[in-house]
Amino acid sequence: QAGGSLRLSCAASGIIVSLSTMGWYRQAPGKQRELVADITSGGSA
């Protein structure tokens, strides 16, 4: 419901993500995929 909360998780295998930027994108119907958030290996979001 609007106003509520969710927590998404993404577990990676086959790659060491500590060296990588990781992020979340989203795509709504009729819209382009967009960057929601990302975080660098150093923790900058």
PDB file of all heavy atoms in Angstrom:
ATOM      1  N   GLN A   1       0.832  -1.190   0.000  1.00  0.00           N
ATOM      2  CA  GLN A   1       0.000   0.000   0.000  1.00  0.00           C
ATOM      3  C   GLN A   1       0.873   1.249   0.000  1.00  0.00           C
ATOM      4  O   GLN A   1       1.992   1.247   0.515  1.00  0.00           O
ATOM      5  CB  GLN A   1      -0.911  -0.016   1.228  1.00  0.00           C
ATOM      6  CG  GLN A   1      -1.941   1.088   1.275  1.00  0.00           C
ATOM      7  CD  GLN A   1      -2.866   0.956   2.475  1.00  0.00           C
ATOM      8  OE1 GLN A   1      -3.024  -0.125   3.034  1.00  0.00           O
ATOM      9  NE2 GLN A   1      -3.474   2.065   2.870  1.00  0.00           N
ATOM     10  N   ALA A   2       0.364   2.320  -0.590  1.00  0.00           N
ATOM     11  CA  ALA A   2       1.082   3.587  -0.572  1.00  0.00           C
ATOM     12  C   ALA A   2       1.459   3.965   0.857  1.00  0.00           C
ATOM     13  O   ALA A   2       0.653   3.833   1.781  1.00  0.00           O
ATOM     14  CB  ALA A   2       0.241   4.684  -1.204  1.00  0.00           C
ATOM     15  N   GLY A   3       2.690   4.430   1.014  1.00  0.00           N
ATOM     16  CA  GLY A   3       3.213   4.756   2.332  1.00  0.00           C
ATOM     17  C   GLY A   3       3.953   3.623   3.000  1.00  0.00           C
ATOM     18  O   GLY A   3       4.632   3.848   4.013  1.00  0.00           O
ATOM     19  N   GLY A   4       3.850   2.439   2.448  1.00  0.00           N
ATOM     20  CA  GLY A   4       4.515   1.282   3.004  1.00  0.00           C
ATOM     21  C   GLY A   4       5.963   1.177   2.576  1.00  0.00           C
ATOM     22  O   GLY A   4       6.508   2.061   1.910  1.00  0.00           O
ATOM     23  N   SER A   5       6.587   0.060   2.957  1.00  0.00           N
ATOM     24  CA  SER A   5       8.005  -0.150   2.711  1.00  0.00           C
ATOM     25  C   SER A   5       8.266  -1.532   2.133  1.00  0.00           C
ATOM     26  O   SER A   5       7.523  -2.485   2.393  1.00  0.00           O
ATOM     27  CB  SER A   5       8.805  -0.010   4.011  1.00  0.00           C
ATOM     28  OG  SER A   5       8.698   1.292   4.556  1.00  0.00           O
ATOM     29  N   LEU A   6       9.324  -1.618   1.356  1.00  0.00           N
ATOM     30  CA  LEU A   6       9.847  -2.874   0.855  1.00  0.00           C
ATOM     31  C   LEU A   6      11.363  -2.807   0.881  1.00  0.00           C
ATOM     32  O   LEU A   6      11.944  -1.723   0.770  1.00  0.00           O
ATOM     33  CB  LEU A   6       9.396  -3.165  -0.577  1.00  0.00           C
ATOM     34  CG  LEU A   6       7.966  -3.617  -0.822  1.00  0.00           C
ATOM     35  CD1 LEU A   6       7.704  -3.674  -2.328  1.00  0.00           C
ATOM     36  CD2 LEU A   6       7.713  -4.984  -0.193  1.00  0.00           C
ATOM     37  N   ARG A   7      11.976  -3.961   0.993  1.00  0.00           N
ATOM     38  CA  ARG A   7      13.429  -4.049   0.905  1.00  0.00           C
ATOM     39  C   ARG A   7      13.796  -5.052  -0.179  1.00  0.00           C
ATOM     40  O   ARG A   7      13.495  -6.240  -0.062  1.00  0.00           O
ATOM     41  CB  ARG A   7      14.041  -4.487   2.231  1.00  0.00           C
ATOM     42  CG  ARG A   7      15.571  -4.356   2.266  1.00  0.00           C
ATOM     43  CD  ARG A   7      16.158  -5.062   3.466  1.00  0.00           C
ATOM     44  NE  ARG A   7      17.545  -4.676   3.709  1.00  0.00           N
ATOM     45  CZ  ARG A   7      18.409  -5.416   4.406  1.00  0.00           C
ATOM     46  NH1 ARG A   7      18.022  -6.563   4.942  1.00  0.00           N
ATOM     47  NH2 ARG A   7      19.646  -4.979   4.588  1.00  0.00           N
ATOM     48  N   LEU A   8      14.435  -4.567  -1.225  1.00  0.00           N
ATOM     49  CA  LEU A   8      14.893  -5.420  -2.303  1.00  0.00           C
ATOM     50  C   LEU A   8      16.312  -5.894  -2.024  1.00  0.00           C
ATOM     51  O   LEU A   8      17.137  -5.146  -1.498  1.00  0.00           O
ATOM     52  CB  LEU A   8      14.868  -4.679  -3.639  1.00  0.00           C
ATOM     53  CG  LEU A   8      13.547  -4.045  -4.061  1.00  0.00           C
ATOM     54  CD1 LEU A   8      13.692  -3.423  -5.451  1.00  0.00           C
ATOM     55  CD2 LEU A   8      12.412  -5.054  -4.041  1.00  0.00           C
ATOM     56  N   SER A   9      16.578  -7.134  -2.403  1.00  0.00           N
ATOM     57  CA  SER A   9      17.911  -7.704  -2.276  1.00  0.00           C
ATOM     58  C   SER A   9      18.352  -8.245  -3.626  1.00  0.00           C
ATOM     59  O   SER A   9      17.538  -8.725  -4.412  1.00  0.00           O
ATOM     60  CB  SER A   9      17.933  -8.834  -1.242  1.00  0.00           C
ATOM     61  OG  SER A   9      17.593  -8.372   0.039  1.00  0.00           O
ATOM     62  N   CYS A  10      19.639  -8.182  -3.869  1.00  0.00           N
ATOM     63  CA  CYS A  10      20.224  -8.735  -5.078  1.00  0.00           C
ATOM     64  C   CYS A  10      21.514  -9.430  -4.694  1.00  0.00           C
ATOM     65  O   CYS A  10      22.479  -8.769  -4.299  1.00  0.00           O
ATOM     66  CB  CYS A  10      20.478  -7.634  -6.107  1.00  0.00           C
ATOM     67  SG  CYS A  10      21.350  -8.179  -7.584  1.00  0.00           S
ATOM     68  N   ALA A  11      21.516 -10.747  -4.800  1.00  0.00           N
ATOM     69  CA  ALA A  11      22.675 -11.556  -4.450  1.00  0.00           C
ATOM     70  C   ALA A  11      23.407 -11.970  -5.712  1.00  0.00           C
ATOM     71  O   ALA A  11      22.813 -12.575  -6.610  1.00  0.00           O
ATOM     72  CB  ALA A  11      22.246 -12.780  -3.653  1.00  0.00           C
ATOM     73  N   ALA A  12      24.684 -11.659  -5.771  1.00  0.00           N
ATOM     74  CA  ALA A  12      25.492 -11.947  -6.945  1.00  0.00           C
ATOM     75  C   ALA A  12      26.357 -13.174  -6.716  1.00  0.00           C
ATOM     76  O   ALA A  12      26.846 -13.419  -5.611  1.00  0.00           O
ATOM     77  CB  ALA A  12      26.372 -10.753  -7.293  1.00  0.00           C
ATOM     78  N   SER A  13      26.549 -13.933  -7.768  1.00  0.00           N
ATOM     79  CA  SER A  13      27.476 -15.053  -7.758  1.00  0.00           C
ATOM     80  C   SER A  13      28.299 -15.017  -9.037  1.00  0.00           C
ATOM     81  O   SER A  13      27.864 -14.482 -10.055  1.00  0.00           O
ATOM     82  CB  SER A  13      26.747 -16.390  -7.622  1.00  0.00           C
ATOM     83  OG  SER A  13      25.875 -16.607  -8.717  1.00  0.00           O
ATOM     84  N   GLY A  14      29.483 -15.587  -8.972  1.00  0.00           N
ATOM     85  CA  GLY A  14      30.355 -15.616 -10.131  1.00  0.00           C
ATOM     86  C   GLY A  14      31.107 -14.330 -10.391  1.00  0.00           C
ATOM     87  O   GLY A  14      31.743 -14.190 -11.445  1.00  0.00           O
ATOM     88  N   ILE A  15      31.033 -13.396  -9.449  1.00  0.00           N
ATOM     89  CA  ILE A  15      31.712 -12.121  -9.598  1.00  0.00           C
ATOM     90  C   ILE A  15      32.021 -11.573  -8.215  1.00  0.00           C
ATOM     91  O   ILE A  15      31.247 -11.787  -7.275  1.00  0.00           O
ATOM     92  CB  ILE A  15      30.866 -11.129 -10.420  1.00  0.00           C
ATOM     93  CG1 ILE A  15      31.663  -9.869 -10.742  1.00  0.00           C
ATOM     94  CG2 ILE A  15      29.568 -10.793  -9.693  1.00  0.00           C
ATOM     95  CD1 ILE A  15      30.953  -8.938 -11.699  1.00  0.00           C
ATOM     96  N   ILE A  16      33.133 -10.887  -8.088  1.00  0.00           N
ATOM     97  CA  ILE A  16      33.498 -10.226  -6.842  1.00  0.00           C
ATOM     98  C   ILE A  16      33.018  -8.789  -6.941  1.00  0.00           C
ATOM     99  O   ILE A  16      33.616  -7.964  -7.633  1.00  0.00           O
ATOM    100  CB  ILE A  16      35.003 -10.279  -6.581  1.00  0.00           C
ATOM    101  CG1 ILE A  16      35.502 -11.723  -6.603  1.00  0.00           C
ATOM    102  CG2 ILE A  16      35.341  -9.603  -5.260  1.00  0.00           C
ATOM    103  CD1 ILE A  16      34.857 -12.596  -5.545  1.00  0.00           C
ATOM    104  N   VAL A  17      31.949  -8.483  -6.243  1.00  0.00           N
ATOM    105  CA  VAL A  17      31.301  -7.184  -6.401  1.00  0.00           C
ATOM    106  C   VAL A  17      32.007  -6.074  -5.649  1.00  0.00           C
ATOM    107  O   VAL A  17      31.686  -4.901  -5.856  1.00  0.00           O
ATOM    108  CB  VAL A  17      29.825  -7.242  -5.976  1.00  0.00           C
ATOM    109  CG1 VAL A  17      29.079  -8.280  -6.798  1.00  0.00           C
ATOM    110  CG2 VAL A  17      29.698  -7.535  -4.486  1.00  0.00           C
ATOM    111  N   SER A  18      32.955  -6.410  -4.794  1.00  0.00           N
ATOM    112  CA  SER A  18      33.664  -5.384  -4.041  1.00  0.00           C
ATOM    113  C   SER A  18      34.417  -4.421  -4.942  1.00  0.00           C
ATOM    114  O   SER A  18      34.747  -3.311  -4.520  1.00  0.00           O
ATOM    115  CB  SER A  18      34.620  -6.018  -3.036  1.00  0.00           C
ATOM    116  OG  SER A  18      35.616  -6.788  -3.690  1.00  0.00           O
ATOM    117  N   LEU A  19      34.685  -4.818  -6.164  1.00  0.00           N
ATOM    118  CA  LEU A  19      35.393  -3.974  -7.119  1.00  0.00           C
ATOM    119  C   LEU A  19      34.450  -3.229  -8.058  1.00  0.00           C
ATOM    120  O   LEU A  19      34.914  -2.544  -8.974  1.00  0.00           O
ATOM    121  CB  LEU A  19      36.365  -4.820  -7.944  1.00  0.00           C
ATOM    122  CG  LEU A  19      37.428  -5.597  -7.163  1.00  0.00           C
ATOM    123  CD1 LEU A  19      38.254  -6.447  -8.114  1.00  0.00           C
ATOM    124  CD2 LEU A  19      38.316  -4.647  -6.374  1.00  0.00           C
ATOM    125  N   SER A  20      33.152  -3.351  -7.839  1.00  0.00           N
ATOM    126  CA  SER A  20      32.174  -2.890  -8.802  1.00  0.00           C
ATOM    127  C   SER A  20      31.215  -1.867  -8.217  1.00  0.00           C
ATOM    128  O   SER A  20      30.950  -1.850  -7.018  1.00  0.00           O
ATOM    129  CB  SER A  20      31.358  -4.069  -9.327  1.00  0.00           C
ATOM    130  OG  SER A  20      32.186  -5.087  -9.854  1.00  0.00           O
ATOM    131  N   THR A  21      30.705  -1.033  -9.111  1.00  0.00           N
ATOM    132  CA  THR A  21      29.545  -0.221  -8.780  1.00  0.00           C
ATOM    133  C   THR A  21      28.296  -1.087  -8.928  1.00  0.00           C
ATOM    134  O   THR A  21      28.155  -1.819  -9.905  1.00  0.00           O
ATOM    135  CB  THR A  21      29.454   1.002  -9.696  1.00  0.00           C
ATOM    136  OG1 THR A  21      30.579   1.861  -9.446  1.00  0.00           O
ATOM    137  CG2 THR A  21      28.173   1.782  -9.447  1.00  0.00           C
ATOM    138  N   MET A  22      27.390  -0.993  -7.967  1.00  0.00           N
ATOM    139  CA  MET A  22      26.152  -1.745  -7.995  1.00  0.00           C
ATOM    140  C   MET A  22      24.984  -0.770  -7.953  1.00  0.00           C
ATOM    141  O   MET A  22      25.077   0.285  -7.314  1.00  0.00           O
ATOM    142  CB  MET A  22      26.068  -2.722  -6.825  1.00  0.00           C
ATOM    143  CG  MET A  22      27.277  -3.644  -6.722  1.00  0.00           C
ATOM    144  SD  MET A  22      27.206  -4.787  -5.314  1.00  0.00           S
ATOM    145  CE  MET A  22      25.934  -5.918  -5.898  1.00  0.00           C
ATOM    146  N   GLY A  23      23.905  -1.129  -8.626  1.00  0.00           N
ATOM    147  CA  GLY A  23      22.790  -0.209  -8.680  1.00  0.00           C
ATOM    148  C   GLY A  23      21.460  -0.881  -8.911  1.00  0.00           C
ATOM    149  O   GLY A  23      21.375  -2.087  -9.158  1.00  0.00           O
ATOM    150  N   TRP A  24      20.424  -0.063  -8.805  1.00  0.00           N
ATOM    151  CA  TRP A  24      19.062  -0.484  -9.075  1.00  0.00           C
ATOM    152  C   TRP A  24      18.465   0.418 -10.145  1.00  0.00           C
ATOM    153  O   TRP A  24      18.562   1.645 -10.061  1.00  0.00           O
ATOM    154  CB  TRP A  24      18.197  -0.418  -7.815  1.00  0.00           C
ATOM    155  CG  TRP A  24      18.561  -1.432  -6.783  1.00  0.00           C
ATOM    156  CD1 TRP A  24      19.404  -1.284  -5.732  1.00  0.00           C
ATOM    157  CD2 TRP A  24      18.069  -2.777  -6.712  1.00  0.00           C
ATOM    158  NE1 TRP A  24      19.483  -2.439  -5.004  1.00  0.00           N
ATOM    159  CE2 TRP A  24      18.670  -3.374  -5.585  1.00  0.00           C
ATOM    160  CE3 TRP A  24      17.183  -3.528  -7.484  1.00  0.00           C
ATOM    161  CZ2 TRP A  24      18.410  -4.696  -5.210  1.00  0.00           C
ATOM    162  CZ3 TRP A  24      16.932  -4.840  -7.116  1.00  0.00           C
ATOM    163  CH2 TRP A  24      17.539  -5.400  -5.995  1.00  0.00           C
ATOM    164  N   TYR A  25      17.864  -0.204 -11.135  1.00  0.00           N
ATOM    165  CA  TYR A  25      17.133   0.480 -12.182  1.00  0.00           C
ATOM    166  C   TYR A  25      15.677   0.045 -12.121  1.00  0.00           C
ATOM    167  O   TYR A  25      15.353  -0.990 -11.535  1.00  0.00           O
ATOM    168  CB  TYR A  25      17.701   0.139 -13.560  1.00  0.00           C
ATOM    169  CG  TYR A  25      19.079   0.705 -13.843  1.00  0.00           C
ATOM    170  CD1 TYR A  25      20.207   0.220 -13.198  1.00  0.00           C
ATOM    171  CD2 TYR A  25      19.250   1.725 -14.781  1.00  0.00           C
ATOM    172  CE1 TYR A  25      21.472   0.736 -13.458  1.00  0.00           C
ATOM    173  CE2 TYR A  25      20.510   2.236 -15.055  1.00  0.00           C
ATOM    174  CZ  TYR A  25      21.608   1.736 -14.396  1.00  0.00           C
ATOM    175  OH  TYR A  25      22.861   2.250 -14.672  1.00  0.00           O
ATOM    176  N   ARG A  26      14.810   0.816 -12.733  1.00  0.00           N
ATOM    177  CA  ARG A  26      13.413   0.418 -12.806  1.00  0.00           C
ATOM    178  C   ARG A  26      12.827   0.819 -14.148  1.00  0.00           C
ATOM    179  O   ARG A  26      13.281   1.767 -14.787  1.00  0.00           O
ATOM    180  CB  ARG A  26      12.588   1.019 -11.665  1.00  0.00           C
ATOM    181  CG  ARG A  26      12.424   2.523 -11.718  1.00  0.00           C
ATOM    182  CD  ARG A  26      11.717   3.016 -10.461  1.00  0.00           C
ATOM    183  NE  ARG A  26      11.551   4.468 -10.460  1.00  0.00           N
ATOM    184  CZ  ARG A  26      11.102   5.161  -9.429  1.00  0.00           C
ATOM    185  NH1 ARG A  26      10.769   4.539  -8.297  1.00  0.00           N
ATOM    186  NH2 ARG A  26      10.976   6.485  -9.517  1.00  0.00           N
ATOM    187  N   GLN A  27      11.814   0.086 -14.549  1.00  0.00           N
ATOM    188  CA  GLN A  27      11.116   0.374 -15.785  1.00  0.00           C
ATOM    189  C   GLN A  27       9.619   0.199 -15.564  1.00  0.00           C
ATOM    190  O   GLN A  27       9.158  -0.890 -15.235  1.00  0.00           O
ATOM    191  CB  GLN A  27      11.594  -0.528 -16.922  1.00  0.00           C
ATOM    192  CG  GLN A  27      11.019  -0.150 -18.275  1.00  0.00           C
ATOM    193  CD  GLN A  27      11.729  -0.852 -19.418  1.00  0.00           C
ATOM    194  OE1 GLN A  27      12.362  -1.889 -19.230  1.00  0.00           O
ATOM    195  NE2 GLN A  27      11.629  -0.293 -20.611  1.00  0.00           N
ATOM    196  N   ALA A  28       8.898   1.287 -15.737  1.00  0.00           N
ATOM    197  CA  ALA A  28       7.449   1.272 -15.645  1.00  0.00           C
ATOM    198  C   ALA A  28       6.854   1.108 -17.036  1.00  0.00           C
ATOM    199  O   ALA A  28       7.510   1.414 -18.041  1.00  0.00           O
ATOM    200  CB  ALA A  28       6.942   2.560 -15.003  1.00  0.00           C
ATOM    201  N   PRO A  29       5.612   0.631 -17.132  1.00  0.00           N
ATOM    202  CA  PRO A  29       4.982   0.465 -18.446  1.00  0.00           C
ATOM    203  C   PRO A  29       4.991   1.757 -19.248  1.00  0.00           C
ATOM    204  O   PRO A  29       4.613   2.817 -18.741  1.00  0.00           O
ATOM    205  CB  PRO A  29       3.559   0.032 -18.102  1.00  0.00           C
ATOM    206  CG  PRO A  29       3.686  -0.639 -16.776  1.00  0.00           C
ATOM    207  CD  PRO A  29       4.738   0.148 -16.049  1.00  0.00           C
ATOM    208  N   GLY A  30       5.436   1.666 -20.492  1.00  0.00           N
ATOM    209  CA  GLY A  30       5.457   2.816 -21.375  1.00  0.00           C
ATOM    210  C   GLY A  30       6.578   3.800 -21.129  1.00  0.00           C
ATOM    211  O   GLY A  30       6.605   4.857 -21.771  1.00  0.00           O
ATOM    212  N   LYS A  31       7.494   3.489 -20.232  1.00  0.00           N
ATOM    213  CA  LYS A  31       8.582   4.397 -19.905  1.00  0.00           C
ATOM    214  C   LYS A  31       9.929   3.717 -20.115  1.00  0.00           C
ATOM    215  O   LYS A  31      10.033   2.492 -20.155  1.00  0.00           O
ATOM    216  CB  LYS A  31       8.467   4.886 -18.458  1.00  0.00           C
ATOM    217  CG  LYS A  31       7.190   5.645 -18.158  1.00  0.00           C
ATOM    218  CD  LYS A  31       7.156   6.137 -16.728  1.00  0.00           C
ATOM    219  CE  LYS A  31       8.177   7.223 -16.479  1.00  0.00           C
ATOM    220  NZ  LYS A  31       8.080   7.780 -15.099  1.00  0.00           N
ATOM    221  N   GLN A  32      10.960   4.537 -20.250  1.00  0.00           N
ATOM    222  CA  GLN A  32      12.316   4.031 -20.385  1.00  0.00           C
ATOM    223  C   GLN A  32      12.855   3.554 -19.044  1.00  0.00           C
ATOM    224  O   GLN A  32      12.440   4.032 -17.988  1.00  0.00           O
ATOM    225  CB  GLN A  32      13.229   5.115 -20.955  1.00  0.00           C
ATOM    226  CG  GLN A  32      12.856   5.592 -22.350  1.00  0.00           C
ATOM    227  CD  GLN A  32      13.039   4.506 -23.374  1.00  0.00           C
ATOM    228  OE1 GLN A  32      14.098   3.883 -23.456  1.00  0.00           O
ATOM    229  NE2 GLN A  32      12.011   4.268 -24.166  1.00  0.00           N
ATOM    230  N   ARG A  33      13.783   2.613 -19.108  1.00  0.00           N
ATOM    231  CA  ARG A  33      14.448   2.181 -17.898  1.00  0.00           C
ATOM    232  C   ARG A  33      15.290   3.331 -17.348  1.00  0.00           C
ATOM    233  O   ARG A  33      15.994   4.017 -18.092  1.00  0.00           O
ATOM    234  CB  ARG A  33      15.325   0.966 -18.186  1.00  0.00           C
ATOM    235  CG  ARG A  33      15.959   0.353 -16.951  1.00  0.00           C
ATOM    236  CD  ARG A  33      16.709  -0.925 -17.273  1.00  0.00           C
ATOM    237  NE  ARG A  33      15.827  -1.953 -17.802  1.00  0.00           N
ATOM    238  CZ  ARG A  33      16.199  -3.205 -18.050  1.00  0.00           C
ATOM    239  NH1 ARG A  33      17.435  -3.589 -17.801  1.00  0.00           N
ATOM    240  NH2 ARG A  33      15.324  -4.070 -18.552  1.00  0.00           N
ATOM    241  N   GLU A  34      15.211   3.546 -16.047  1.00  0.00           N
ATOM    242  CA  GLU A  34      15.929   4.639 -15.425  1.00  0.00           C
ATOM    243  C   GLU A  34      16.711   4.163 -14.209  1.00  0.00           C
ATOM    244  O   GLU A  34      16.323   3.204 -13.533  1.00  0.00           O
ATOM    245  CB  GLU A  34      14.965   5.759 -15.005  1.00  0.00           C
ATOM    246  CG  GLU A  34      13.994   5.361 -13.909  1.00  0.00           C
ATOM    247  CD  GLU A  34      13.116   6.508 -13.438  1.00  0.00           C
ATOM    248  OE1 GLU A  34      13.278   7.633 -13.945  1.00  0.00           O
ATOM    249  OE2 GLU A  34      12.253   6.281 -12.559  1.00  0.00           O
ATOM    250  N   LEU A  35      17.792   4.860 -13.940  1.00  0.00           N
ATOM    251  CA  LEU A  35      18.586   4.586 -12.749  1.00  0.00           C
ATOM    252  C   LEU A  35      17.857   5.115 -11.527  1.00  0.00           C
ATOM    253  O   LEU A  35      17.472   6.287 -11.480  1.00  0.00           O
ATOM    254  CB  LEU A  35      19.961   5.239 -12.871  1.00  0.00           C
ATOM    255  CG  LEU A  35      20.864   5.130 -11.639  1.00  0.00           C
ATOM    256  CD1 LEU A  35      21.273   3.681 -11.398  1.00  0.00           C
ATOM    257  CD2 LEU A  35      22.095   6.014 -11.796  1.00  0.00           C
ATOM    258  N   VAL A  36      17.675   4.258 -10.533  1.00  0.00           N
ATOM    259  CA  VAL A  36      17.066   4.644  -9.277  1.00  0.00           C
ATOM    260  C   VAL A  36      18.132   5.059  -8.269  1.00  0.00           C
ATOM    261  O   VAL A  36      18.033   6.108  -7.628  1.00  0.00           O
ATOM    262  CB  VAL A  36      16.206   3.505  -8.703  1.00  0.00           C
ATOM    263  CG1 VAL A  36      15.603   3.902  -7.361  1.00  0.00           C
ATOM    264  CG2 VAL A  36      15.113   3.111  -9.686  1.00  0.00           C
ATOM    265  N   ALA A  37      19.140   4.222  -8.125  1.00  0.00           N
ATOM    266  CA  ALA A  37      20.223   4.480  -7.183  1.00  0.00           C
ATOM    267  C   ALA A  37      21.408   3.612  -7.537  1.00  0.00           C
ATOM    268  O   ALA A  37      21.241   2.532  -8.101  1.00  0.00           O
ATOM    269  CB  ALA A  37      19.782   4.204  -5.744  1.00  0.00           C
ATOM    270  N   ASP A  38      22.590   4.076  -7.217  1.00  0.00           N
ATOM    271  CA  ASP A  38      23.754   3.224  -7.314  1.00  0.00           C
ATOM    272  C   ASP A  38      24.727   3.539  -6.190  1.00  0.00           C
ATOM    273  O   ASP A  38      24.600   4.555  -5.505  1.00  0.00           O
ATOM    274  CB  ASP A  38      24.425   3.270  -8.692  1.00  0.00           C
ATOM    275  CG  ASP A  38      25.046   4.609  -9.061  1.00  0.00           C
ATOM    276  OD1 ASP A  38      25.270   5.460  -8.177  1.00  0.00           O
ATOM    277  OD2 ASP A  38      25.327   4.804 -10.265  1.00  0.00           O
ATOM    278  N   ILE A  39      25.684   2.640  -6.007  1.00  0.00           N
ATOM    279  CA  ILE A  39      26.646   2.774  -4.927  1.00  0.00           C
ATOM    280  C   ILE A  39      27.982   2.247  -5.416  1.00  0.00           C
ATOM    281  O   ILE A  39      28.071   1.159  -5.977  1.00  0.00           O
ATOM    282  CB  ILE A  39      26.156   2.042  -3.651  1.00  0.00           C
ATOM    283  CG1 ILE A  39      27.126   2.250  -2.489  1.00  0.00           C
ATOM    284  CG2 ILE A  39      25.903   0.560  -3.916  1.00  0.00           C
ATOM    285  CD1 ILE A  39      26.540   1.827  -1.150  1.00  0.00           C
ATOM    286  N   THR A  40      29.022   3.026  -5.223  1.00  0.00           N
ATOM    287  CA  THR A  40      30.342   2.659  -5.693  1.00  0.00           C
ATOM    288  C   THR A  40      30.998   1.672  -4.740  1.00  0.00           C
ATOM    289  O   THR A  40      30.504   1.401  -3.643  1.00  0.00           O
ATOM    290  CB  THR A  40      31.246   3.887  -5.837  1.00  0.00           C
ATOM    291  OG1 THR A  40      31.544   4.414  -4.536  1.00  0.00           O
ATOM    292  CG2 THR A  40      30.580   4.962  -6.684  1.00  0.00           C
ATOM    293  N   SER A  41      32.133   1.138  -5.174  1.00  0.00           N
ATOM    294  CA  SER A  41      32.885   0.223  -4.325  1.00  0.00           C
ATOM    295  C   SER A  41      33.330   0.891  -3.032  1.00  0.00           C
ATOM    296  O   SER A  41      33.518   0.210  -2.019  1.00  0.00           O
ATOM    297  CB  SER A  41      34.092  -0.333  -5.083  1.00  0.00           C
ATOM    298  OG  SER A  41      34.972   0.700  -5.487  1.00  0.00           O
ATOM    299  N   GLY A  42      33.490   2.214  -3.063  1.00  0.00           N
ATOM    300  CA  GLY A  42      33.866   2.957  -1.876  1.00  0.00           C
ATOM    301  C   GLY A  42      32.711   3.358  -0.989  1.00  0.00           C
ATOM    302  O   GLY A  42      32.932   3.963   0.063  1.00  0.00           O
ATOM    303  N   GLY A  43      31.478   3.054  -1.398  1.00  0.00           N
ATOM    304  CA  GLY A  43      30.316   3.334  -0.579  1.00  0.00           C
ATOM    305  C   GLY A  43      29.606   4.639  -0.870  1.00  0.00           C
ATOM    306  O   GLY A  43      28.684   5.012  -0.134  1.00  0.00           O
ATOM    307  N   SER A  44      30.003   5.343  -1.924  1.00  0.00           N
ATOM    308  CA  SER A  44      29.332   6.586  -2.284  1.00  0.00           C
ATOM    309  C   SER A  44      28.056   6.280  -3.057  1.00  0.00           C
ATOM    310  O   SER A  44      28.090   5.579  -4.068  1.00  0.00           O
ATOM    311  CB  SER A  44      30.249   7.466  -3.123  1.00  0.00           C
ATOM    312  OG  SER A  44      31.391   7.859  -2.381  1.00  0.00           O
ATOM    313  N   ALA A  45      26.944   6.836  -2.601  1.00  0.00           N
ATOM    314  CA  ALA A  45      25.647   6.562  -3.190  1.00  0.00           C
ATOM    315  C   ALA A  45      25.075   7.789  -3.873  1.00  0.00           C
ATOM    316  O   ALA A  45      25.322   8.924  -3.462  1.00  0.00           O
ATOM    317  CB  ALA A  45      24.673   6.066  -2.128  1.00  0.00           C
TER     318      ALA A  45
END
